[in-house]
mmCIF file of all heavy atoms, coordinates in Angstrom:
data_MODEL
# 
_entry.id   MODEL 
# 
loop_
_atom_site.group_PDB 
_atom_site.id 
_atom_site.type_symbol 
_atom_site.label_atom_id 
_atom_site.label_alt_id 
_atom_site.label_comp_id 
_atom_site.label_asym_id 
_atom_site.label_entity_id 
_atom_site.label_seq_id 
_atom_site.pdbx_PDB_ins_code 
_atom_site.Cartn_x 
_atom_site.Cartn_y 
_atom_site.Cartn_z 
_atom_site.occupancy 
_atom_site.B_iso_or_equiv 
_atom_site.pdbx_formal_charge 
_atom_site.auth_seq_id 
_atom_site.auth_comp_id 
_atom_site.auth_asym_id 
_atom_site.auth_atom_id 
_atom_site.pdbx_PDB_model_num 
ATOM 1   N N   . ILE A 1 1  ? 48.197 -5.842  -153.927 1.00 0.00 ? 1  ILE A N   1 
ATOM 2   C CA  . ILE A 1 1  ? 48.991 -7.053  -154.111 1.00 0.00 ? 1  ILE A CA  1 
ATOM 3   C C   . ILE A 1 1  ? 48.692 -7.992  -152.942 1.00 0.00 ? 1  ILE A C   1 
ATOM 4   O O   . ILE A 1 1  ? 49.022 -7.692  -151.799 1.00 0.00 ? 1  ILE A O   1 
ATOM 5   C CB  . ILE A 1 1  ? 50.510 -6.759  -154.179 1.00 0.00 ? 1  ILE A CB  1 
ATOM 6   C CG1 . ILE A 1 1  ? 50.791 -5.787  -155.365 1.00 0.00 ? 1  ILE A CG1 1 
ATOM 7   C CG2 . ILE A 1 1  ? 51.298 -8.054  -154.338 1.00 0.00 ? 1  ILE A CG2 1 
ATOM 8   C CD1 . ILE A 1 1  ? 52.220 -5.350  -155.450 1.00 0.00 ? 1  ILE A CD1 1 
ATOM 9   N N   . GLY A 1 2  ? 48.044 -9.113  -153.238 1.00 0.00 ? 2  GLY A N   1 
ATOM 10  C CA  . GLY A 1 2  ? 47.681 -10.025 -152.179 1.00 0.00 ? 2  GLY A CA  1 
ATOM 11  C C   . GLY A 1 2  ? 46.764 -9.351  -151.160 1.00 0.00 ? 2  GLY A C   1 
ATOM 12  O O   . GLY A 1 2  ? 45.753 -8.746  -151.510 1.00 0.00 ? 2  GLY A O   1 
ATOM 13  N N   . ASP A 1 3  ? 47.120 -9.436  -149.899 1.00 0.00 ? 3  ASP A N   1 
ATOM 14  C CA  . ASP A 1 3  ? 46.336 -8.830  -148.811 1.00 0.00 ? 3  ASP A CA  1 
ATOM 15  C C   . ASP A 1 3  ? 46.729 -7.403  -148.497 1.00 0.00 ? 3  ASP A C   1 
ATOM 16  O O   . ASP A 1 3  ? 46.312 -6.838  -147.500 1.00 0.00 ? 3  ASP A O   1 
ATOM 17  C CB  . ASP A 1 3  ? 46.473 -9.686  -147.546 1.00 0.00 ? 3  ASP A CB  1 
ATOM 18  C CG  . ASP A 1 3  ? 45.831 -11.049 -147.692 1.00 0.00 ? 3  ASP A CG  1 
ATOM 19  O OD1 . ASP A 1 3  ? 44.865 -11.168 -148.477 1.00 0.00 ? 3  ASP A OD1 1 
ATOM 20  O OD2 . ASP A 1 3  ? 46.289 -11.990 -147.030 1.00 0.00 ? 3  ASP A OD2 1 
ATOM 21  N N   . TRP A 1 4  ? 47.519 -6.803  -149.400 1.00 0.00 ? 4  TRP A N   1 
ATOM 22  C CA  . TRP A 1 4  ? 48.073 -5.469  -149.134 1.00 0.00 ? 4  TRP A CA  1 
ATOM 23  C C   . TRP A 1 4  ? 47.767 -4.474  -150.238 1.00 0.00 ? 4  TRP A C   1 
ATOM 24  O O   . TRP A 1 4  ? 47.668 -4.846  -151.396 1.00 0.00 ? 4  TRP A O   1 
ATOM 25  C CB  . TRP A 1 4  ? 49.584 -5.543  -148.936 1.00 0.00 ? 4  TRP A CB  1 
ATOM 26  C CG  . TRP A 1 4  ? 49.988 -6.338  -147.732 1.00 0.00 ? 4  TRP A CG  1 
ATOM 27  C CD1 . TRP A 1 4  ? 50.192 -7.676  -147.649 1.00 0.00 ? 4  TRP A CD1 1 
ATOM 28  C CD2 . TRP A 1 4  ? 50.185 -5.838  -146.387 1.00 0.00 ? 4  TRP A CD2 1 
ATOM 29  N NE1 . TRP A 1 4  ? 50.488 -8.055  -146.389 1.00 0.00 ? 4  TRP A NE1 1 
ATOM 30  C CE2 . TRP A 1 4  ? 50.500 -6.948  -145.579 1.00 0.00 ? 4  TRP A CE2 1 
ATOM 31  C CE3 . TRP A 1 4  ? 50.103 -4.564  -145.832 1.00 0.00 ? 4  TRP A CE3 1 
ATOM 32  C CZ2 . TRP A 1 4  ? 50.748 -6.810  -144.224 1.00 0.00 ? 4  TRP A CZ2 1 
ATOM 33  C CZ3 . TRP A 1 4  ? 50.367 -4.427  -144.464 1.00 0.00 ? 4  TRP A CZ3 1 
ATOM 34  C CH2 . TRP A 1 4  ? 50.683 -5.541  -143.683 1.00 0.00 ? 4  TRP A CH2 1 
ATOM 35  N N   . LEU A 1 5  ? 47.630 -3.224  -149.851 1.00 0.00 ? 5  LEU A N   1 
ATOM 36  C CA  . LEU A 1 5  ? 47.595 -2.101  -150.768 1.00 0.00 ? 5  LEU A CA  1 
ATOM 37  C C   . LEU A 1 5  ? 48.873 -1.296  -150.543 1.00 0.00 ? 5  LEU A C   1 
ATOM 38  O O   . LEU A 1 5  ? 49.189 -0.900  -149.413 1.00 0.00 ? 5  LEU A O   1 
ATOM 39  C CB  . LEU A 1 5  ? 46.382 -1.207  -150.491 1.00 0.00 ? 5  LEU A CB  1 
ATOM 40  C CG  . LEU A 1 5  ? 46.427 0.204   -151.064 1.00 0.00 ? 5  LEU A CG  1 
ATOM 41  C CD1 . LEU A 1 5  ? 46.399 0.178   -152.592 1.00 0.00 ? 5  LEU A CD1 1 
ATOM 42  C CD2 . LEU A 1 5  ? 45.296 1.071   -150.510 1.00 0.00 ? 5  LEU A CD2 1 
ATOM 43  N N   . LEU A 1 6  ? 49.634 -1.069  -151.620 1.00 0.00 ? 6  LEU A N   1 
ATOM 44  C CA  . LEU A 1 6  ? 50.809 -0.236  -151.531 1.00 0.00 ? 6  LEU A CA  1 
ATOM 45  C C   . LEU A 1 6  ? 50.575 1.039   -152.338 1.00 0.00 ? 6  LEU A C   1 
ATOM 46  O O   . LEU A 1 6  ? 50.020 0.978   -153.452 1.00 0.00 ? 6  LEU A O   1 
ATOM 47  C CB  . LEU A 1 6  ? 52.047 -0.959  -152.068 1.00 0.00 ? 6  LEU A CB  1 
ATOM 48  C CG  . LEU A 1 6  ? 52.686 -1.991  -151.129 1.00 0.00 ? 6  LEU A CG  1 
ATOM 49  C CD1 . LEU A 1 6  ? 51.945 -3.312  -151.188 1.00 0.00 ? 6  LEU A CD1 1 
ATOM 50  C CD2 . LEU A 1 6  ? 54.148 -2.190  -151.461 1.00 0.00 ? 6  LEU A CD2 1 
ATOM 51  N N   . TYR A 1 7  ? 50.966 2.189   -151.781 1.00 0.00 ? 7  TYR A N   1 
ATOM 52  C CA  . TYR A 1 7  ? 50.846 3.446   -152.504 1.00 0.00 ? 7  TYR A CA  1 
ATOM 53  C C   . TYR A 1 7  ? 51.979 4.367   -152.119 1.00 0.00 ? 7  TYR A C   1 
ATOM 54  O O   . TYR A 1 7  ? 52.597 4.226   -151.049 1.00 0.00 ? 7  TYR A O   1 
ATOM 55  C CB  . TYR A 1 7  ? 49.494 4.112   -152.280 1.00 0.00 ? 7  TYR A CB  1 
ATOM 56  C CG  . TYR A 1 7  ? 49.252 4.693   -150.908 1.00 0.00 ? 7  TYR A CG  1 
ATOM 57  C CD1 . TYR A 1 7  ? 49.453 6.064   -150.663 1.00 0.00 ? 7  TYR A CD1 1 
ATOM 58  C CD2 . TYR A 1 7  ? 48.839 3.907   -149.831 1.00 0.00 ? 7  TYR A CD2 1 
ATOM 59  C CE1 . TYR A 1 7  ? 49.238 6.599   -149.405 1.00 0.00 ? 7  TYR A CE1 1 
ATOM 60  C CE2 . TYR A 1 7  ? 48.630 4.420   -148.582 1.00 0.00 ? 7  TYR A CE2 1 
ATOM 61  C CZ  . TYR A 1 7  ? 48.817 5.787   -148.363 1.00 0.00 ? 7  TYR A CZ  1 
ATOM 62  O OH  . TYR A 1 7  ? 48.604 6.328   -147.115 1.00 0.00 ? 7  TYR A OH  1 
ATOM 63  N N   . ALA A 1 8  ? 52.295 5.304   -153.010 1.00 0.00 ? 8  ALA A N   1 
ATOM 64  C CA  . ALA A 1 8  ? 53.446 6.172   -152.799 1.00 0.00 ? 8  ALA A CA  1 
ATOM 65  C C   . ALA A 1 8  ? 53.238 7.482   -153.515 1.00 0.00 ? 8  ALA A C   1 
ATOM 66  O O   . ALA A 1 8  ? 52.409 7.600   -154.452 1.00 0.00 ? 8  ALA A O   1 
ATOM 67  C CB  . ALA A 1 8  ? 54.738 5.506   -153.264 1.00 0.00 ? 8  ALA A CB  1 
ATOM 68  N N   . GLY A 1 9  ? 54.018 8.488   -153.141 1.00 0.00 ? 9  GLY A N   1 
ATOM 69  C CA  . GLY A 1 9  ? 53.997 9.787   -153.801 1.00 0.00 ? 9  GLY A CA  1 
ATOM 70  C C   . GLY A 1 9  ? 55.390 10.312  -153.967 1.00 0.00 ? 9  GLY A C   1 
ATOM 71  O O   . GLY A 1 9  ? 56.336 9.822   -153.341 1.00 0.00 ? 9  GLY A O   1 
ATOM 72  N N   . GLY A 1 10 ? 55.500 11.337  -154.802 1.00 0.00 ? 10 GLY A N   1 
ATOM 73  C CA  . GLY A 1 10 ? 56.812 11.906  -155.048 1.00 0.00 ? 10 GLY A CA  1 
ATOM 74  C C   . GLY A 1 10 ? 57.362 12.701  -153.886 1.00 0.00 ? 10 GLY A C   1 
ATOM 75  O O   . GLY A 1 10 ? 58.555 12.826  -153.708 1.00 0.00 ? 10 GLY A O   1 
ATOM 76  N N   . ARG A 1 11 ? 56.472 13.247  -153.039 1.00 0.00 ? 11 ARG A N   1 
ATOM 77  C CA  . ARG A 1 11 ? 56.883 13.989  -151.856 1.00 0.00 ? 11 ARG A CA  1 
ATOM 78  C C   . ARG A 1 11 ? 56.159 13.409  -150.644 1.00 0.00 ? 11 ARG A C   1 
ATOM 79  O O   . ARG A 1 11 ? 55.105 12.790  -150.770 1.00 0.00 ? 11 ARG A O   1 
ATOM 80  C CB  . ARG A 1 11 ? 56.584 15.478  -151.985 1.00 0.00 ? 11 ARG A CB  1 
ATOM 81  C CG  . ARG A 1 11 ? 57.319 16.147  -153.117 1.00 0.00 ? 11 ARG A CG  1 
ATOM 82  C CD  . ARG A 1 11 ? 57.184 17.656  -152.979 1.00 0.00 ? 11 ARG A CD  1 
ATOM 83  N NE  . ARG A 1 11 ? 55.787 18.112  -153.035 1.00 0.00 ? 11 ARG A NE  1 
ATOM 84  C CZ  . ARG A 1 11 ? 55.167 18.435  -154.145 1.00 0.00 ? 11 ARG A CZ  1 
ATOM 85  N NH1 . ARG A 1 11 ? 55.780 18.336  -155.302 1.00 0.00 ? 11 ARG A NH1 1 
ATOM 86  N NH2 . ARG A 1 11 ? 53.916 18.836  -154.114 1.00 0.00 ? 11 ARG A NH2 1 
ATOM 87  N N   . VAL A 1 12 ? 56.678 13.677  -149.481 1.00 0.00 ? 12 VAL A N   1 
ATOM 88  C CA  . VAL A 1 12 ? 56.099 13.142  -148.233 1.00 0.00 ? 12 VAL A CA  1 
ATOM 89  C C   . VAL A 1 12 ? 55.257 14.219  -147.576 1.00 0.00 ? 12 VAL A C   1 
ATOM 90  O O   . VAL A 1 12 ? 55.584 15.388  -147.545 1.00 0.00 ? 12 VAL A O   1 
ATOM 91  C CB  . VAL A 1 12 ? 57.241 12.685  -147.295 1.00 0.00 ? 12 VAL A CB  1 
ATOM 92  C CG1 . VAL A 1 12 ? 56.645 12.148  -145.997 1.00 0.00 ? 12 VAL A CG1 1 
ATOM 93  C CG2 . VAL A 1 12 ? 58.079 11.626  -147.976 1.00 0.00 ? 12 VAL A CG2 1 
ATOM 94  N N   . ARG A 1 13 ? 54.142 13.806  -147.010 1.00 0.00 ? 13 ARG A N   1 
ATOM 95  C CA  . ARG A 1 13 ? 53.257 14.724  -146.307 1.00 0.00 ? 13 ARG A CA  1 
ATOM 96  C C   . ARG A 1 13 ? 52.947 14.172  -144.911 1.00 0.00 ? 13 ARG A C   1 
ATOM 97  O O   . ARG A 1 13 ? 52.530 13.042  -144.766 1.00 0.00 ? 13 ARG A O   1 
ATOM 98  C CB  . ARG A 1 13 ? 51.956 14.917  -147.086 1.00 0.00 ? 13 ARG A CB  1 
ATOM 99  C CG  . ARG A 1 13 ? 50.953 15.840  -146.424 1.00 0.00 ? 13 ARG A CG  1 
ATOM 100 C CD  . ARG A 1 13 ? 49.774 16.056  -147.350 1.00 0.00 ? 13 ARG A CD  1 
ATOM 101 N NE  . ARG A 1 13 ? 48.784 16.948  -146.774 1.00 0.00 ? 13 ARG A NE  1 
ATOM 102 C CZ  . ARG A 1 13 ? 47.747 16.518  -146.064 1.00 0.00 ? 13 ARG A CZ  1 
ATOM 103 N NH1 . ARG A 1 13 ? 47.584 15.246  -145.843 1.00 0.00 ? 13 ARG A NH1 1 
ATOM 104 N NH2 . ARG A 1 13 ? 46.878 17.382  -145.570 1.00 0.00 ? 13 ARG A NH2 1 
ATOM 105 N N   . ARG A 1 14 ? 53.127 15.000  -143.898 1.00 0.00 ? 14 ARG A N   1 
ATOM 106 C CA  . ARG A 1 14 ? 52.883 14.564  -142.530 1.00 0.00 ? 14 ARG A CA  1 
ATOM 107 C C   . ARG A 1 14 ? 51.370 14.439  -142.292 1.00 0.00 ? 14 ARG A C   1 
ATOM 108 O O   . ARG A 1 14 ? 50.574 15.230  -142.761 1.00 0.00 ? 14 ARG A O   1 
ATOM 109 C CB  . ARG A 1 14 ? 53.472 15.587  -141.557 1.00 0.00 ? 14 ARG A CB  1 
ATOM 110 C CG  . ARG A 1 14 ? 53.316 15.164  -140.090 1.00 0.00 ? 14 ARG A CG  1 
ATOM 111 C CD  . ARG A 1 14 ? 53.938 16.203  -139.177 1.00 0.00 ? 14 ARG A CD  1 
ATOM 112 N NE  . ARG A 1 14 ? 55.355 16.346  -139.432 1.00 0.00 ? 14 ARG A NE  1 
ATOM 113 C CZ  . ARG A 1 14 ? 56.288 15.590  -138.903 1.00 0.00 ? 14 ARG A CZ  1 
ATOM 114 N NH1 . ARG A 1 14 ? 55.949 14.584  -138.101 1.00 0.00 ? 14 ARG A NH1 1 
ATOM 115 N NH2 . ARG A 1 14 ? 57.556 15.771  -139.148 1.00 0.00 ? 14 ARG A NH2 1 
ATOM 116 N N   . ASP A 1 15 ? 51.003 13.416  -141.529 1.00 0.00 ? 15 ASP A N   1 
ATOM 117 C CA  . ASP A 1 15 ? 49.595 13.249  -141.118 1.00 0.00 ? 15 ASP A CA  1 
ATOM 118 C C   . ASP A 1 15 ? 49.316 14.292  -140.048 1.00 0.00 ? 15 ASP A C   1 
ATOM 119 O O   . ASP A 1 15 ? 49.810 14.172  -138.901 1.00 0.00 ? 15 ASP A O   1 
ATOM 120 C CB  . ASP A 1 15 ? 49.398 11.817  -140.590 1.00 0.00 ? 15 ASP A CB  1 
ATOM 121 C CG  . ASP A 1 15 ? 47.929 11.551  -140.243 1.00 0.00 ? 15 ASP A CG  1 
ATOM 122 O OD1 . ASP A 1 15 ? 47.161 12.517  -140.158 1.00 0.00 ? 15 ASP A OD1 1 
ATOM 123 O OD2 . ASP A 1 15 ? 47.572 10.376  -140.056 1.00 0.00 ? 15 ASP A OD2 1 
ATOM 124 N N   . LEU A 1 16 ? 48.520 15.299  -140.388 1.00 0.00 ? 16 LEU A N   1 
ATOM 125 C CA  . LEU A 1 16 ? 48.286 16.431  -139.484 1.00 0.00 ? 16 LEU A CA  1 
ATOM 126 C C   . LEU A 1 16 ? 47.448 16.046  -138.272 1.00 0.00 ? 16 LEU A C   1 
ATOM 127 O O   . LEU A 1 16 ? 47.326 16.819  -137.327 1.00 0.00 ? 16 LEU A O   1 
ATOM 128 C CB  . LEU A 1 16 ? 47.640 17.568  -140.244 1.00 0.00 ? 16 LEU A CB  1 
ATOM 129 C CG  . LEU A 1 16 ? 48.453 18.139  -141.425 1.00 0.00 ? 16 LEU A CG  1 
ATOM 130 C CD1 . LEU A 1 16 ? 47.660 19.226  -142.106 1.00 0.00 ? 16 LEU A CD1 1 
ATOM 131 C CD2 . LEU A 1 16 ? 49.789 18.665  -140.938 1.00 0.00 ? 16 LEU A CD2 1 
ATOM 132 N N   . ARG A 1 17 ? 46.826 14.884  -138.294 1.00 0.00 ? 17 ARG A N   1 
ATOM 133 C CA  . ARG A 1 17 ? 45.941 14.496  -137.189 1.00 0.00 ? 17 ARG A CA  1 
ATOM 134 C C   . ARG A 1 17 ? 46.745 13.955  -136.005 1.00 0.00 ? 17 ARG A C   1 
ATOM 135 O O   . ARG A 1 17 ? 46.185 13.783  -134.914 1.00 0.00 ? 17 ARG A O   1 
ATOM 136 C CB  . ARG A 1 17 ? 44.928 13.456  -137.660 1.00 0.00 ? 17 ARG A CB  1 
ATOM 137 C CG  . ARG A 1 17 ? 43.888 14.045  -138.618 1.00 0.00 ? 17 ARG A CG  1 
ATOM 138 C CD  . ARG A 1 17 ? 43.175 12.955  -139.371 1.00 0.00 ? 17 ARG A CD  1 
ATOM 139 N NE  . ARG A 1 17 ? 44.083 12.260  -140.283 1.00 0.00 ? 17 ARG A NE  1 
ATOM 140 C CZ  . ARG A 1 17 ? 43.695 11.428  -141.241 1.00 0.00 ? 17 ARG A CZ  1 
ATOM 141 N NH1 . ARG A 1 17 ? 42.422 11.212  -141.424 1.00 0.00 ? 17 ARG A NH1 1 
ATOM 142 N NH2 . ARG A 1 17 ? 44.576 10.871  -142.016 1.00 0.00 ? 17 ARG A NH2 1 
ATOM 143 N N   . LYS A 1 18 ? 48.017 13.640  -136.219 1.00 0.00 ? 18 LYS A N   1 
ATOM 144 C CA  . LYS A 1 18 ? 48.818 13.092  -135.123 1.00 0.00 ? 18 LYS A CA  1 
ATOM 145 C C   . LYS A 1 18 ? 50.112 13.874  -135.026 1.00 0.00 ? 18 LYS A C   1 
ATOM 146 O O   . LYS A 1 18 ? 50.884 13.939  -135.975 1.00 0.00 ? 18 LYS A O   1 
ATOM 147 C CB  . LYS A 1 18 ? 49.121 11.611  -135.365 1.00 0.00 ? 18 LYS A CB  1 
ATOM 148 C CG  . LYS A 1 18 ? 47.887 10.724  -135.289 1.00 0.00 ? 18 LYS A CG  1 
ATOM 149 C CD  . LYS A 1 18 ? 48.275 9.257   -135.406 1.00 0.00 ? 18 LYS A CD  1 
ATOM 150 C CE  . LYS A 1 18 ? 47.070 8.339   -135.277 1.00 0.00 ? 18 LYS A CE  1 
ATOM 151 N NZ  . LYS A 1 18 ? 47.463 6.896   -135.397 1.00 0.00 ? 18 LYS A NZ  1 
ATOM 152 N N   . GLU A 1 19 ? 50.365 14.424  -133.856 1.00 0.00 ? 19 GLU A N   1 
ATOM 153 C CA  . GLU A 1 19 ? 51.602 15.174  -133.628 1.00 0.00 ? 19 GLU A CA  1 
ATOM 154 C C   . GLU A 1 19 ? 52.796 14.221  -133.664 1.00 0.00 ? 19 GLU A C   1 
ATOM 155 O O   . GLU A 1 19 ? 52.788 13.156  -133.050 1.00 0.00 ? 19 GLU A O   1 
ATOM 156 C CB  . GLU A 1 19 ? 51.548 15.864  -132.271 1.00 0.00 ? 19 GLU A CB  1 
ATOM 157 C CG  . GLU A 1 19 ? 52.678 16.839  -132.037 1.00 0.00 ? 19 GLU A CG  1 
ATOM 158 C CD  . GLU A 1 19 ? 52.610 18.030  -132.967 1.00 0.00 ? 19 GLU A CD  1 
ATOM 159 O OE1 . GLU A 1 19 ? 51.471 18.405  -133.372 1.00 0.00 ? 19 GLU A OE1 1 
ATOM 160 O OE2 . GLU A 1 19 ? 53.682 18.583  -133.295 1.00 0.00 ? 19 GLU A OE2 1 
ATOM 161 N N   . GLY A 1 20 ? 53.793 14.556  -134.474 1.00 0.00 ? 20 GLY A N   1 
ATOM 162 C CA  . GLY A 1 20 ? 54.982 13.719  -134.557 1.00 0.00 ? 20 GLY A CA  1 
ATOM 163 C C   . GLY A 1 20 ? 54.769 12.437  -135.277 1.00 0.00 ? 20 GLY A C   1 
ATOM 164 O O   . GLY A 1 20 ? 55.498 11.464  -135.057 1.00 0.00 ? 20 GLY A O   1 
ATOM 165 N N   . SER A 1 21 ? 53.769 12.363  -136.150 1.00 0.00 ? 21 SER A N   1 
ATOM 166 C CA  . SER A 1 21 ? 53.486 11.096  -136.851 1.00 0.00 ? 21 SER A CA  1 
ATOM 167 C C   . SER A 1 21 ? 54.612 10.772  -137.808 1.00 0.00 ? 21 SER A C   1 
ATOM 168 O O   . SER A 1 21 ? 55.339 11.624  -138.308 1.00 0.00 ? 21 SER A O   1 
ATOM 169 C CB  . SER A 1 21 ? 52.168 11.190  -137.597 1.00 0.00 ? 21 SER A CB  1 
ATOM 170 O OG  . SER A 1 21 ? 52.217 12.239  -138.568 1.00 0.00 ? 21 SER A OG  1 
ATOM 171 N N   . GLU A 1 22 ? 54.720 9.457   -138.131 1.00 0.00 ? 22 GLU A N   1 
ATOM 172 C CA  . GLU A 1 22 ? 55.795 8.997   -139.032 1.00 0.00 ? 22 GLU A CA  1 
ATOM 173 C C   . GLU A 1 22 ? 55.529 9.473   -140.438 1.00 0.00 ? 22 GLU A C   1 
ATOM 174 O O   . GLU A 1 22 ? 54.378 9.695   -140.837 1.00 0.00 ? 22 GLU A O   1 
ATOM 175 C CB  . GLU A 1 22 ? 55.829 7.459   -139.013 1.00 0.00 ? 22 GLU A CB  1 
ATOM 176 C CG  . GLU A 1 22 ? 56.324 6.876   -137.676 1.00 0.00 ? 22 GLU A CG  1 
ATOM 177 C CD  . GLU A 1 22 ? 56.328 5.378   -137.714 1.00 0.00 ? 22 GLU A CD  1 
ATOM 178 O OE1 . GLU A 1 22 ? 55.262 4.782   -137.955 1.00 0.00 ? 22 GLU A OE1 1 
ATOM 179 O OE2 . GLU A 1 22 ? 57.396 4.812   -137.539 1.00 0.00 ? 22 GLU A OE2 1 
ATOM 180 N N   . GLN A 1 23 ? 56.602 9.636   -141.189 1.00 0.00 ? 23 GLN A N   1 
ATOM 181 C CA  . GLN A 1 23 ? 56.506 10.017  -142.583 1.00 0.00 ? 23 GLN A CA  1 
ATOM 182 C C   . GLN A 1 23 ? 57.229 8.942   -143.417 1.00 0.00 ? 23 GLN A C   1 
ATOM 183 O O   . GLN A 1 23 ? 58.197 8.382   -142.982 1.00 0.00 ? 23 GLN A O   1 
ATOM 184 C CB  . GLN A 1 23 ? 57.166 11.365  -142.839 1.00 0.00 ? 23 GLN A CB  1 
ATOM 185 C CG  . GLN A 1 23 ? 56.514 12.515  -142.058 1.00 0.00 ? 23 GLN A CG  1 
ATOM 186 C CD  . GLN A 1 23 ? 57.165 13.835  -142.424 1.00 0.00 ? 23 GLN A CD  1 
ATOM 187 O OE1 . GLN A 1 23 ? 57.114 14.241  -143.559 1.00 0.00 ? 23 GLN A OE1 1 
ATOM 188 N NE2 . GLN A 1 23 ? 57.801 14.460  -141.457 1.00 0.00 ? 23 GLN A NE2 1 
ATOM 189 N N   . ALA A 1 24 ? 56.709 8.714   -144.619 1.00 0.00 ? 24 ALA A N   1 
ATOM 190 C CA  . ALA A 1 24 ? 57.349 7.775   -145.530 1.00 0.00 ? 24 ALA A CA  1 
ATOM 191 C C   . ALA A 1 24 ? 56.886 8.066   -146.942 1.00 0.00 ? 24 ALA A C   1 
ATOM 192 O O   . ALA A 1 24 ? 55.785 8.584   -147.147 1.00 0.00 ? 24 ALA A O   1 
ATOM 193 C CB  . ALA A 1 24 ? 57.033 6.346   -145.153 1.00 0.00 ? 24 ALA A CB  1 
ATOM 194 N N   . ALA A 1 25 ? 57.736 7.774   -147.913 1.00 0.00 ? 25 ALA A N   1 
ATOM 195 C CA  . ALA A 1 25 ? 57.346 7.942   -149.286 1.00 0.00 ? 25 ALA A CA  1 
ATOM 196 C C   . ALA A 1 25 ? 56.493 6.810   -149.761 1.00 0.00 ? 25 ALA A C   1 
ATOM 197 O O   . ALA A 1 25 ? 55.832 6.900   -150.799 1.00 0.00 ? 25 ALA A O   1 
ATOM 198 C CB  . ALA A 1 25 ? 58.612 8.049   -150.160 1.00 0.00 ? 25 ALA A CB  1 
ATOM 199 N N   . LEU A 1 26 ? 56.478 5.708   -149.040 1.00 0.00 ? 26 LEU A N   1 
ATOM 200 C CA  . LEU A 1 26 ? 55.756 4.501   -149.445 1.00 0.00 ? 26 LEU A CA  1 
ATOM 201 C C   . LEU A 1 26 ? 55.025 3.924   -148.237 1.00 0.00 ? 26 LEU A C   1 
ATOM 202 O O   . LEU A 1 26 ? 55.578 3.860   -147.127 1.00 0.00 ? 26 LEU A O   1 
ATOM 203 C CB  . LEU A 1 26 ? 56.765 3.463   -149.967 1.00 0.00 ? 26 LEU A CB  1 
ATOM 204 C CG  . LEU A 1 26 ? 56.281 2.073   -150.316 1.00 0.00 ? 26 LEU A CG  1 
ATOM 205 C CD1 . LEU A 1 26 ? 55.336 2.111   -151.506 1.00 0.00 ? 26 LEU A CD1 1 
ATOM 206 C CD2 . LEU A 1 26 ? 57.462 1.151   -150.596 1.00 0.00 ? 26 LEU A CD2 1 
# 
């Protein structure tokens, strides 16, 4: 949408490459 890509999932998965990384459904 415009200059952005939005994506989401039914469950949240932590980014394993960064300790304590943020989580979000969207």
